[in-house]
Amino acid sequence: MLATGGSAMQAVQVLLDNNVKEEHIIFLNLIGSPEGIDSFIAKYPKVKIVIGELDAGLNKDKYIVPGCGDFGCRYFGTD
């Protein structure tokens, strides 16, 4: 999931710090927000993005809407 883009950008930075060329990176994502995509592309314009679903946007809590809720809580059964 790509909400604000922060985690994805950190992951890309780790790859770049280990001498992977930006144009060789493909970011595969299930659900994203326009805000996250815009931030990601602004910072890493040469990374190719493959996304399954682009949702409407983020709510006040920075969750993707309609999205699927807090994925971590759902995955680990803590919601």
PDB file of N, CA and C in Angstrom:
ATOM      1  N   MET A   1       0.841  -1.171   0.000  1.00  0.00           N
ATOM      2  CA  MET A   1       0.000   0.000   0.000  1.00  0.00           C
ATOM      3  C   MET A   1       0.886   1.234   0.000  1.00  0.00           C
ATOM      4  N   LEU A   2       0.469   2.221  -0.750  1.00  0.00           N
ATOM      5  CA  LEU A   2       1.208   3.479  -0.843  1.00  0.00           C
ATOM      6  C   LEU A   2       0.261   4.610  -0.450  1.00  0.00           C
ATOM      7  N   ALA A   3       0.333   5.030   0.815  1.00  0.00           N
ATOM      8  CA  ALA A   3      -0.537   6.114   1.288  1.00  0.00           C
ATOM      9  C   ALA A   3       0.180   7.448   1.079  1.00  0.00           C
ATOM     10  N   THR A   4       1.103   7.784   1.978  1.00  0.00           N
ATOM     11  CA  THR A   4       1.854   9.035   1.829  1.00  0.00           C
ATOM     12  C   THR A   4       3.108   8.846   0.984  1.00  0.00           C
ATOM     13  N   GLY A   5       3.566   7.607   0.884  1.00  0.00           N
ATOM     14  CA  GLY A   5       4.770   7.307   0.109  1.00  0.00           C
ATOM     15  C   GLY A   5       6.031   7.213   0.938  1.00  0.00           C
ATOM     16  N   GLY A   6       5.943   7.548   2.212  1.00  0.00           N
ATOM     17  CA  GLY A   6       7.130   7.588   3.063  1.00  0.00           C
ATOM     18  C   GLY A   6       7.900   6.283   3.154  1.00  0.00           C
ATOM     19  N   SER A   7       7.228   5.189   3.422  1.00  0.00           N
ATOM     20  CA  SER A   7       7.906   3.890   3.557  1.00  0.00           C
ATOM     21  C   SER A   7       8.514   3.444   2.237  1.00  0.00           C
ATOM     22  N   ALA A   8       7.778   3.645   1.157  1.00  0.00           N
ATOM     23  CA  ALA A   8       8.287   3.259  -0.165  1.00  0.00           C
ATOM     24  C   ALA A   8       9.532   4.072  -0.519  1.00  0.00           C
ATOM     25  N   MET A   9       9.515   5.354  -0.200  1.00  0.00           N
ATOM     26  CA  MET A   9      10.676   6.197  -0.501  1.00  0.00           C
ATOM     27  C   MET A   9      11.887   5.794   0.334  1.00  0.00           C
ATOM     28  N   GLN A  10      11.661   5.378   1.579  1.00  0.00           N
ATOM     29  CA  GLN A  10      12.772   4.895   2.405  1.00  0.00           C
ATOM     30  C   GLN A  10      13.362   3.622   1.820  1.00  0.00           C
ATOM     31  N   ALA A  11      12.495   2.729   1.338  1.00  0.00           N
ATOM     32  CA  ALA A  11      12.968   1.479   0.735  1.00  0.00           C
ATOM     33  C   ALA A  11      13.798   1.756  -0.513  1.00  0.00           C
ATOM     34  N   VAL A  12      13.338   2.674  -1.339  1.00  0.00           N
ATOM     35  CA  VAL A  12      14.096   3.032  -2.545  1.00  0.00           C
ATOM     36  C   VAL A  12      15.437   3.638  -2.152  1.00  0.00           C
ATOM     37  N   GLN A  13      15.456   4.464  -1.124  1.00  0.00           N
ATOM     38  CA  GLN A  13      16.709   5.077  -0.701  1.00  0.00           C
ATOM     39  C   GLN A  13      17.725   4.030  -0.257  1.00  0.00           C
ATOM     40  N   VAL A  14      17.260   2.972   0.415  1.00  0.00           N
ATOM     41  CA  VAL A  14      18.161   1.878   0.808  1.00  0.00           C
ATOM     42  C   VAL A  14      18.796   1.250  -0.431  1.00  0.00           C
ATOM     43  N   LEU A  15      17.984   1.020  -1.464  1.00  0.00           N
ATOM     44  CA  LEU A  15      18.524   0.458  -2.704  1.00  0.00           C
ATOM     45  C   LEU A  15      19.546   1.400  -3.335  1.00  0.00           C
ATOM     46  N   LEU A  16      19.226   2.676  -3.393  1.00  0.00           N
ATOM     47  CA  LEU A  16      20.155   3.651  -3.973  1.00  0.00           C
ATOM     48  C   LEU A  16      21.450   3.725  -3.171  1.00  0.00           C
ATOM     49  N   ASP A  17      21.341   3.652  -1.848  1.00  0.00           N
ATOM     50  CA  ASP A  17      22.527   3.670  -0.986  1.00  0.00           C
ATOM     51  C   ASP A  17      23.412   2.453  -1.212  1.00  0.00           C
ATOM     52  N   ASN A  18      22.836   1.402  -1.790  1.00  0.00           N
ATOM     53  CA  ASN A  18      23.586   0.182  -2.089  1.00  0.00           C
ATOM     54  C   ASN A  18      23.879   0.063  -3.582  1.00  0.00           C
ATOM     55  N   ASN A  19      23.968   1.219  -4.234  1.00  0.00           N
ATOM     56  CA  ASN A  19      24.418   1.344  -5.622  1.00  0.00           C
ATOM     57  C   ASN A  19      23.497   0.749  -6.673  1.00  0.00           C
ATOM     58  N   VAL A  20      22.208   0.602  -6.360  1.00  0.00           N
ATOM     59  CA  VAL A  20      21.231   0.207  -7.378  1.00  0.00           C
ATOM     60  C   VAL A  20      20.827   1.480  -8.108  1.00  0.00           C
ATOM     61  N   LYS A  21      20.854   1.450  -9.422  1.00  0.00           N
ATOM     62  CA  LYS A  21      20.477   2.628 -10.199  1.00  0.00           C
ATOM     63  C   LYS A  21      18.966   2.828 -10.141  1.00  0.00           C
ATOM     64  N   GLU A  22      18.570   4.084 -10.006  1.00  0.00           N
ATOM     65  CA  GLU A  22      17.149   4.415  -9.891  1.00  0.00           C
ATOM     66  C   GLU A  22      16.340   3.848 -11.052  1.00  0.00           C
ATOM     67  N   GLU A  23      16.878   3.929 -12.252  1.00  0.00           N
ATOM     68  CA  GLU A  23      16.145   3.453 -13.430  1.00  0.00           C
ATOM     69  C   GLU A  23      16.033   1.927 -13.495  1.00  0.00           C
ATOM     70  N   HIS A  24      16.709   1.213 -12.597  1.00  0.00           N
ATOM     71  CA  HIS A  24      16.617  -0.252 -12.536  1.00  0.00           C
ATOM     72  C   HIS A  24      15.628  -0.727 -11.471  1.00  0.00           C
ATOM     73  N   ILE A  25      14.979   0.195 -10.787  1.00  0.00           N
ATOM     74  CA  ILE A  25      14.056  -0.154  -9.703  1.00  0.00           C
ATOM     75  C   ILE A  25      12.623  -0.150 -10.228  1.00  0.00           C
ATOM     76  N   ILE A  26      11.879  -1.190  -9.874  1.00  0.00           N
ATOM     77  CA  ILE A  26      10.448  -1.273 -10.173  1.00  0.00           C
ATOM     78  C   ILE A  26       9.722  -1.392  -8.838  1.00  0.00           C
ATOM     79  N   PHE A  27       8.800  -0.479  -8.584  1.00  0.00           N
ATOM     80  CA  PHE A  27       8.014  -0.508  -7.350  1.00  0.00           C
ATOM     81  C   PHE A  27       6.659  -1.110  -7.665  1.00  0.00           C
ATOM     82  N   LEU A  28       6.374  -2.281  -7.096  1.00  0.00           N
ATOM     83  CA  LEU A  28       5.111  -2.992  -7.302  1.00  0.00           C
ATOM     84  C   LEU A  28       4.228  -2.765  -6.083  1.00  0.00           C
ATOM     85  N   ASN A  29       2.994  -2.335  -6.319  1.00  0.00           N
ATOM     86  CA  ASN A  29       2.123  -1.906  -5.240  1.00  0.00           C
ATOM     87  C   ASN A  29       0.683  -2.328  -5.517  1.00  0.00           C
ATOM     88  N   LEU A  30      -0.048  -2.723  -4.481  1.00  0.00           N
ATOM     89  CA  LEU A  30      -1.452  -3.111  -4.655  1.00  0.00           C
ATOM     90  C   LEU A  30      -2.400  -1.924  -4.695  1.00  0.00           C
ATOM     91  N   ILE A  31      -2.383  -1.092  -3.654  1.00  0.00           N
ATOM     92  CA  ILE A  31      -3.315   0.029  -3.535  1.00  0.00           C
ATOM     93  C   ILE A  31      -2.519   1.292  -3.237  1.00  0.00           C
ATOM     94  N   GLY A  32      -2.858   2.373  -3.919  1.00  0.00           N
ATOM     95  CA  GLY A  32      -2.152   3.623  -3.689  1.00  0.00           C
ATOM     96  C   GLY A  32      -3.075   4.818  -3.702  1.00  0.00           C
ATOM     97  N   SER A  33      -2.529   5.942  -3.267  1.00  0.00           N
ATOM     98  CA  SER A  33      -3.268   7.208  -3.280  1.00  0.00           C
ATOM     99  C   SER A  33      -2.579   8.159  -4.250  1.00  0.00           C
ATOM    100  N   PRO A  34      -3.325   9.073  -4.826  1.00  0.00           N
ATOM    101  CA  PRO A  34      -2.700  10.071  -5.701  1.00  0.00           C
ATOM    102  C   PRO A  34      -1.625  10.887  -4.972  1.00  0.00           C
ATOM    103  N   GLU A  35      -1.871  11.209  -3.694  1.00  0.00           N
ATOM    104  CA  GLU A  35      -0.901  11.981  -2.920  1.00  0.00           C
ATOM    105  C   GLU A  35       0.422  11.231  -2.776  1.00  0.00           C
ATOM    106  N   GLY A  36       0.343   9.942  -2.476  1.00  0.00           N
ATOM    107  CA  GLY A  36       1.548   9.136  -2.331  1.00  0.00           C
ATOM    108  C   GLY A  36       2.298   8.980  -3.639  1.00  0.00           C
ATOM    109  N   ILE A  37       1.558   8.734  -4.711  1.00  0.00           N
ATOM    110  CA  ILE A  37       2.179   8.597  -6.033  1.00  0.00           C
ATOM    111  C   ILE A  37       2.884   9.900  -6.413  1.00  0.00           C
ATOM    112  N   ASP A  38       2.214  11.029  -6.212  1.00  0.00           N
ATOM    113  CA  ASP A  38       2.816  12.326  -6.556  1.00  0.00           C
ATOM    114  C   ASP A  38       4.106  12.571  -5.779  1.00  0.00           C
ATOM    115  N   SER A  39       4.100  12.287  -4.470  1.00  0.00           N
ATOM    116  CA  SER A  39       5.301  12.471  -3.644  1.00  0.00           C
ATOM    117  C   SER A  39       6.425  11.554  -4.096  1.00  0.00           C
ATOM    118  N   PHE A  40       6.066  10.301  -4.369  1.00  0.00           N
ATOM    119  CA  PHE A  40       7.053   9.303  -4.788  1.00  0.00           C
ATOM    120  C   PHE A  40       7.699   9.706  -6.109  1.00  0.00           C
ATOM    121  N   ILE A  41       6.885  10.079  -7.088  1.00  0.00           N
ATOM    122  CA  ILE A  41       7.400  10.451  -8.408  1.00  0.00           C
ATOM    123  C   ILE A  41       8.246  11.721  -8.334  1.00  0.00           C
ATOM    124  N   ALA A  42       7.852  12.653  -7.475  1.00  0.00           N
ATOM    125  CA  ALA A  42       8.628  13.887  -7.329  1.00  0.00           C
ATOM    126  C   ALA A  42      10.038  13.599  -6.824  1.00  0.00           C
ATOM    127  N   LYS A  43      10.159  12.610  -5.933  1.00  0.00           N
ATOM    128  CA  LYS A  43      11.474  12.292  -5.368  1.00  0.00           C
ATOM    129  C   LYS A  43      12.261  11.315  -6.235  1.00  0.00           C
ATOM    130  N   TYR A  44      11.575  10.350  -6.855  1.00  0.00           N
ATOM    131  CA  TYR A  44      12.240   9.314  -7.649  1.00  0.00           C
ATOM    132  C   TYR A  44      11.580   9.182  -9.020  1.00  0.00           C
ATOM    133  N   PRO A  45      11.802  10.132  -9.899  1.00  0.00           N
ATOM    134  CA  PRO A  45      11.109  10.126 -11.197  1.00  0.00           C
ATOM    135  C   PRO A  45      11.510   8.991 -12.140  1.00  0.00           C
ATOM    136  N   LYS A  46      12.652   8.349 -11.894  1.00  0.00           N
ATOM    137  CA  LYS A  46      13.108   7.285 -12.795  1.00  0.00           C
ATOM    138  C   LYS A  46      12.657   5.888 -12.364  1.00  0.00           C
ATOM    139  N   VAL A  47      12.049   5.773 -11.186  1.00  0.00           N
ATOM    140  CA  VAL A  47      11.559   4.476 -10.712  1.00  0.00           C
ATOM    141  C   VAL A  47      10.240   4.171 -11.411  1.00  0.00           C
ATOM    142  N   LYS A  48      10.140   2.964 -11.955  1.00  0.00           N
ATOM    143  CA  LYS A  48       8.892   2.542 -12.598  1.00  0.00           C
ATOM    144  C   LYS A  48       7.927   2.073 -11.509  1.00  0.00           C
ATOM    145  N   ILE A  49       6.669   2.512 -11.601  1.00  0.00           N
ATOM    146  CA  ILE A  49       5.645   2.126 -10.626  1.00  0.00           C
ATOM    147  C   ILE A  49       4.597   1.264 -11.315  1.00  0.00           C
ATOM    148  N   VAL A  50       4.283   0.120 -10.706  1.00  0.00           N
ATOM    149  CA  VAL A  50       3.192  -0.744 -11.153  1.00  0.00           C
ATOM    150  C   VAL A  50       2.202  -0.795  -9.997  1.00  0.00           C
ATOM    151  N   ILE A  51       0.966  -0.380 -10.250  1.00  0.00           N
ATOM    152  CA  ILE A  51      -0.025  -0.288  -9.176  1.00  0.00           C
ATOM    153  C   ILE A  51      -1.305  -1.002  -9.591  1.00  0.00           C
ATOM    154  N   GLY A  52      -1.891  -1.744  -8.649  1.00  0.00           N
ATOM    155  CA  GLY A  52      -3.119  -2.479  -8.932  1.00  0.00           C
ATOM    156  C   GLY A  52      -4.357  -1.608  -8.885  1.00  0.00           C
ATOM    157  N   GLU A  53      -4.425  -0.685  -7.931  1.00  0.00           N
ATOM    158  CA  GLU A  53      -5.619   0.147  -7.737  1.00  0.00           C
ATOM    159  C   GLU A  53      -5.204   1.521  -7.233  1.00  0.00           C
ATOM    160  N   LEU A  54      -5.674   2.550  -7.895  1.00  0.00           N
ATOM    161  CA  LEU A  54      -5.451   3.912  -7.426  1.00  0.00           C
ATOM    162  C   LEU A  54      -6.756   4.397  -6.812  1.00  0.00           C
ATOM    163  N   ASP A  55      -6.753   4.540  -5.481  1.00  0.00           N
ATOM    164  CA  ASP A  55      -7.964   4.968  -4.781  1.00  0.00           C
ATOM    165  C   ASP A  55      -8.096   6.490  -4.801  1.00  0.00           C
ATOM    166  N   ALA A  56      -9.185   6.981  -4.205  1.00  0.00           N
ATOM    167  CA  ALA A  56      -9.546   8.401  -4.292  1.00  0.00           C
ATOM    168  C   ALA A  56      -8.538   9.335  -3.631  1.00  0.00           C
ATOM    169  N   GLY A  57      -7.997   8.940  -2.499  1.00  0.00           N
ATOM    170  CA  GLY A  57      -7.075   9.824  -1.795  1.00  0.00           C
ATOM    171  C   GLY A  57      -6.887   9.404  -0.358  1.00  0.00           C
ATOM    172  N   LEU A  58      -6.432  10.343   0.468  1.00  0.00           N
ATOM    173  CA  LEU A  58      -6.181  10.086   1.886  1.00  0.00           C
ATOM    174  C   LEU A  58      -7.196  10.830   2.738  1.00  0.00           C
ATOM    175  N   ASN A  59      -7.545  10.225   3.890  1.00  0.00           N
ATOM    176  CA  ASN A  59      -8.410  10.934   4.834  1.00  0.00           C
ATOM    177  C   ASN A  59      -7.547  11.768   5.783  1.00  0.00           C
ATOM    178  N   LYS A  60      -8.159  12.361   6.792  1.00  0.00           N
ATOM    179  CA  LYS A  60      -7.427  13.237   7.719  1.00  0.00           C
ATOM    180  C   LYS A  60      -6.363  12.486   8.520  1.00  0.00           C
ATOM    181  N   ASP A  61      -6.517  11.160   8.642  1.00  0.00           N
ATOM    182  CA  ASP A  61      -5.544  10.342   9.370  1.00  0.00           C
ATOM    183  C   ASP A  61      -4.480   9.743   8.462  1.00  0.00           C
ATOM    184  N   LYS A  62      -4.483  10.147   7.194  1.00  0.00           N
ATOM    185  CA  LYS A  62      -3.522   9.680   6.184  1.00  0.00           C
ATOM    186  C   LYS A  62      -3.731   8.219   5.795  1.00  0.00           C
ATOM    187  N   TYR A  63      -4.968   7.726   5.939  1.00  0.00           N
ATOM    188  CA  TYR A  63      -5.325   6.399   5.447  1.00  0.00           C
ATOM    189  C   TYR A  63      -5.907   6.540   4.052  1.00  0.00           C
ATOM    190  N   ILE A  64      -5.646   5.546   3.203  1.00  0.00           N
ATOM    191  CA  ILE A  64      -6.189   5.536   1.852  1.00  0.00           C
ATOM    192  C   ILE A  64      -7.692   5.305   1.921  1.00  0.00           C
ATOM    193  N   VAL A  65      -8.459   6.122   1.175  1.00  0.00           N
ATOM    194  CA  VAL A  65      -9.908   5.929   1.117  1.00  0.00           C
ATOM    195  C   VAL A  65     -10.338   5.680  -0.325  1.00  0.00           C
ATOM    196  N   PRO A  66     -11.219   4.708  -0.577  1.00  0.00           N
ATOM    197  CA  PRO A  66     -11.802   3.848   0.437  1.00  0.00           C
ATOM    198  C   PRO A  66     -10.813   2.845   1.017  1.00  0.00           C
ATOM    199  N   GLY A  67      -9.796   2.415   0.286  1.00  0.00           N
ATOM    200  CA  GLY A  67      -8.742   1.555   0.826  1.00  0.00           C
ATOM    201  C   GLY A  67      -9.246   0.281   1.462  1.00  0.00           C
ATOM    202  N   CYS A  68      -8.442  -0.258   2.382  1.00  0.00           N
ATOM    203  CA  CYS A  68      -8.828  -1.495   3.071  1.00  0.00           C
ATOM    204  C   CYS A  68      -8.595  -1.375   4.574  1.00  0.00           C
ATOM    205  N   GLY A  69      -8.555  -0.148   5.087  1.00  0.00           N
ATOM    206  CA  GLY A  69      -8.309   0.039   6.511  1.00  0.00           C
ATOM    207  C   GLY A  69      -6.826  -0.055   6.824  1.00  0.00           C
ATOM    208  N   ASP A  70      -6.509  -0.320   8.066  1.00  0.00           N
ATOM    209  CA  ASP A  70      -5.120  -0.458   8.496  1.00  0.00           C
ATOM    210  C   ASP A  70      -4.650  -1.864   8.149  1.00  0.00           C
ATOM    211  N   PHE A  71      -3.877  -1.986   7.086  1.00  0.00           N
ATOM    212  CA  PHE A  71      -3.468  -3.299   6.598  1.00  0.00           C
ATOM    213  C   PHE A  71      -2.700  -4.085   7.659  1.00  0.00           C
ATOM    214  N   GLY A  72      -1.809  -3.427   8.378  1.00  0.00           N
ATOM    215  CA  GLY A  72      -1.037  -4.124   9.407  1.00  0.00           C
ATOM    216  C   GLY A  72      -1.927  -4.744  10.465  1.00  0.00           C
ATOM    217  N   CYS A  73      -2.920  -3.996  10.930  1.00  0.00           N
ATOM    218  CA  CYS A  73      -3.862  -4.528  11.926  1.00  0.00           C
ATOM    219  C   CYS A  73      -4.664  -5.685  11.348  1.00  0.00           C
ATOM    220  N   ARG A  74      -5.113  -5.541  10.120  1.00  0.00           N
ATOM    221  CA  ARG A  74      -5.878  -6.629   9.494  1.00  0.00           C
ATOM    222  C   ARG A  74      -5.014  -7.880   9.329  1.00  0.00           C
ATOM    223  N   TYR A  75      -3.799  -7.698   8.858  1.00  0.00           N
ATOM    224  CA  TYR A  75      -2.905  -8.823   8.591  1.00  0.00           C
ATOM    225  C   TYR A  75      -2.574  -9.585   9.876  1.00  0.00           C
ATOM    226  N   PHE A  76      -2.287  -8.837  10.947  1.00  0.00           N
ATOM    227  CA  PHE A  76      -1.897  -9.475  12.200  1.00  0.00           C
ATOM    228  C   PHE A  76      -3.074  -9.733  13.136  1.00  0.00           C
ATOM    229  N   GLY A  77      -4.302  -9.390  12.715  1.00  0.00           N
ATOM    230  CA  GLY A  77      -5.497  -9.658  13.506  1.00  0.00           C
ATOM    231  C   GLY A  77      -5.590  -8.847  14.781  1.00  0.00           C
ATOM    232  N   THR A  78      -5.082  -7.614  14.748  1.00  0.00           N
ATOM    233  CA  THR A  78      -5.081  -6.790  15.955  1.00  0.00           C
ATOM    234  C   THR A  78      -6.075  -5.642  15.904  1.00  0.00           C
ATOM    235  N   ASP A  79      -6.962  -5.620  14.878  1.00  0.00           N
ATOM    236  CA  ASP A  79      -7.926  -4.511  14.807  1.00  0.00           C
ATOM    237  C   ASP A  79      -9.210  -4.838  15.517  1.00  0.00           C
TER     238      ASP A  79
END
